[in-house]
Amino acid sequence: MREAETGYPAMQHHILNLHFEVTGDRARGYGYMWFLAVQHADRPDDHFAMGGPYAWRYRRGADGWLLTEQRLGVSWTEGQDESMVPRR
């Protein structure tokens, strides 16, 4: 994560509308991600944003709950993420 976030002087990462279902020693979770990144400190209006659903699976073991799977689907984007554009 640190490497993915180093290109942004400011960002926010929100996870909203969390829902969890527990069945014995297994659980599933769902949430919605909203990410906003400022790409240039001197131009905060030049930003990149995206959103989409998260899905998680958990297993309870001797040490407590462990995250066993995480998936993120990107439903929408706004602006151009400059970190994803190949540099020449």
C-alpha atoms as a PDB file:
ATOM      1  CA  MET A   1       0.000   0.000   0.000  1.00  0.00           C
ATOM      2  CA  ARG A   2       2.765   2.431   0.829  1.00  0.00           C
ATOM      3  CA  GLU A   3       4.212   2.142  -2.672  1.00  0.00           C
ATOM      4  CA  ALA A   4       0.790   2.669  -4.278  1.00  0.00           C
ATOM      5  CA  GLU A   5       0.135   5.771  -2.169  1.00  0.00           C
ATOM      6  CA  THR A   6       3.506   7.534  -2.452  1.00  0.00           C
ATOM      7  CA  GLY A   7       2.532   9.430  -5.619  1.00  0.00           C
ATOM      8  CA  TYR A   8      -0.243  11.389  -3.915  1.00  0.00           C
ATOM      9  CA  PRO A   9       0.476  14.410  -1.689  1.00  0.00           C
ATOM     10  CA  ALA A  10      -3.016  14.043  -0.169  1.00  0.00           C
ATOM     11  CA  MET A  11      -5.706  11.362  -0.291  1.00  0.00           C
ATOM     12  CA  GLN A  12      -8.739   9.959   1.454  1.00  0.00           C
ATOM     13  CA  HIS A  13      -9.881   6.360   1.438  1.00  0.00           C
ATOM     14  CA  HIS A  14     -13.344   5.722   2.837  1.00  0.00           C
ATOM     15  CA  ILE A  15     -15.129   2.415   3.381  1.00  0.00           C
ATOM     16  CA  LEU A  16     -18.867   2.940   3.767  1.00  0.00           C
ATOM     17  CA  ASN A  17     -22.067   0.953   4.352  1.00  0.00           C
ATOM     18  CA  LEU A  18     -20.386  -1.996   6.055  1.00  0.00           C
ATOM     19  CA  HIS A  19     -22.335  -5.232   6.412  1.00  0.00           C
ATOM     20  CA  PHE A  20     -21.152  -8.514   7.948  1.00  0.00           C
ATOM     21  CA  GLU A  21     -22.675 -11.986   8.053  1.00  0.00           C
ATOM     22  CA  VAL A  22     -21.299 -14.442  10.621  1.00  0.00           C
ATOM     23  CA  THR A  23     -21.934 -18.164  10.322  1.00  0.00           C
ATOM     24  CA  GLY A  24     -20.086 -20.114  13.000  1.00  0.00           C
ATOM     25  CA  ASP A  25     -16.352 -19.714  12.467  1.00  0.00           C
ATOM     26  CA  ARG A  26     -16.750 -18.096   9.038  1.00  0.00           C
ATOM     27  CA  ALA A  27     -17.845 -14.604   8.097  1.00  0.00           C
ATOM     28  CA  ARG A  28     -18.370 -12.474   5.020  1.00  0.00           C
ATOM     29  CA  GLY A  29     -18.235  -8.717   4.859  1.00  0.00           C
ATOM     30  CA  TYR A  30     -19.253  -6.136   2.293  1.00  0.00           C
ATOM     31  CA  GLY A  31     -18.595  -2.436   1.990  1.00  0.00           C
ATOM     32  CA  TYR A  32     -18.339   0.359  -0.522  1.00  0.00           C
ATOM     33  CA  MET A  33     -15.059   2.171  -1.206  1.00  0.00           C
ATOM     34  CA  TRP A  34     -14.689   5.820  -2.162  1.00  0.00           C
ATOM     35  CA  PHE A  35     -11.104   6.954  -2.890  1.00  0.00           C
ATOM     36  CA  LEU A  36     -10.021  10.512  -3.670  1.00  0.00           C
ATOM     37  CA  ALA A  37      -6.414  11.524  -4.393  1.00  0.00           C
ATOM     38  CA  VAL A  38      -4.843  14.923  -5.009  1.00  0.00           C
ATOM     39  CA  GLN A  39      -2.057  14.419  -7.526  1.00  0.00           C
ATOM     40  CA  HIS A  40      -0.316  17.818  -7.281  1.00  0.00           C
ATOM     41  CA  ALA A  41      -0.120  19.787  -4.035  1.00  0.00           C
ATOM     42  CA  ASP A  42      -0.337  23.088  -5.924  1.00  0.00           C
ATOM     43  CA  ARG A  43      -3.435  21.949  -7.911  1.00  0.00           C
ATOM     44  CA  PRO A  44      -5.856  20.256  -5.488  1.00  0.00           C
ATOM     45  CA  ASP A  45      -8.696  20.486  -8.017  1.00  0.00           C
ATOM     46  CA  ASP A  46      -6.726  18.142 -10.322  1.00  0.00           C
ATOM     47  CA  HIS A  47      -7.729  14.968  -8.525  1.00  0.00           C
ATOM     48  CA  PHE A  48      -8.501  11.342  -9.229  1.00  0.00           C
ATOM     49  CA  ALA A  49     -11.413   9.511  -7.619  1.00  0.00           C
ATOM     50  CA  MET A  50     -12.885   6.037  -7.808  1.00  0.00           C
ATOM     51  CA  GLY A  51     -15.447   3.904  -6.056  1.00  0.00           C
ATOM     52  CA  GLY A  52     -16.635   0.347  -5.922  1.00  0.00           C
ATOM     53  CA  PRO A  53     -17.584  -2.591  -3.722  1.00  0.00           C
ATOM     54  CA  TYR A  54     -15.306  -4.446  -1.329  1.00  0.00           C
ATOM     55  CA  ALA A  55     -15.962  -8.063  -0.364  1.00  0.00           C
ATOM     56  CA  TRP A  56     -14.117  -9.859   2.446  1.00  0.00           C
ATOM     57  CA  ARG A  57     -14.046 -13.390   3.865  1.00  0.00           C
ATOM     58  CA  TYR A  58     -12.894 -14.223   7.379  1.00  0.00           C
ATOM     59  CA  ARG A  59     -12.114 -17.351   9.376  1.00  0.00           C
ATOM     60  CA  ARG A  60     -12.016 -17.595  13.157  1.00  0.00           C
ATOM     61  CA  GLY A  61      -9.024 -19.501  14.471  1.00  0.00           C
ATOM     62  CA  ALA A  62      -7.203 -19.940  17.758  1.00  0.00           C
ATOM     63  CA  ASP A  63      -5.828 -16.365  17.534  1.00  0.00           C
ATOM     64  CA  GLY A  64      -9.165 -14.756  16.612  1.00  0.00           C
ATOM     65  CA  TRP A  65     -10.605 -13.630  13.296  1.00  0.00           C
ATOM     66  CA  LEU A  66      -8.326 -13.709  10.241  1.00  0.00           C
ATOM     67  CA  LEU A  67      -8.969 -12.052   6.890  1.00  0.00           C
ATOM     68  CA  THR A  68      -8.687 -14.794   4.258  1.00  0.00           C
ATOM     69  CA  GLU A  69      -9.824 -12.960   1.115  1.00  0.00           C
ATOM     70  CA  GLN A  70     -10.340  -9.399  -0.042  1.00  0.00           C
ATOM     71  CA  ARG A  71     -11.750  -8.293  -3.394  1.00  0.00           C
ATOM     72  CA  LEU A  72     -12.288  -4.814  -4.768  1.00  0.00           C
ATOM     73  CA  GLY A  73     -14.389  -4.003  -7.799  1.00  0.00           C
ATOM     74  CA  VAL A  74     -14.037  -0.574  -9.380  1.00  0.00           C
ATOM     75  CA  SER A  75     -17.489   0.642 -10.433  1.00  0.00           C
ATOM     76  CA  TRP A  76     -16.570   4.196 -11.463  1.00  0.00           C
ATOM     77  CA  THR A  77     -13.644   6.599 -11.825  1.00  0.00           C
ATOM     78  CA  GLU A  78     -13.319  10.339 -12.237  1.00  0.00           C
ATOM     79  CA  GLY A  79     -10.264  12.076 -13.653  1.00  0.00           C
ATOM     80  CA  GLN A  80      -7.027  10.476 -14.817  1.00  0.00           C
ATOM     81  CA  ASP A  81      -4.847   8.604 -12.340  1.00  0.00           C
ATOM     82  CA  GLU A  82      -1.410   9.841 -13.403  1.00  0.00           C
ATOM     83  CA  SER A  83       0.333   7.040 -11.502  1.00  0.00           C
ATOM     84  CA  MET A  84      -1.185   4.572 -13.976  1.00  0.00           C
ATOM     85  CA  VAL A  85      -0.051   6.465 -17.113  1.00  0.00           C
ATOM     86  CA  PRO A  86       3.251   5.156 -18.518  1.00  0.00           C
ATOM     87  CA  ARG A  87       5.974   7.786 -18.322  1.00  0.00           C
ATOM     88  CA  ARG A  88       8.220   8.469 -21.299  1.00  0.00           C
END
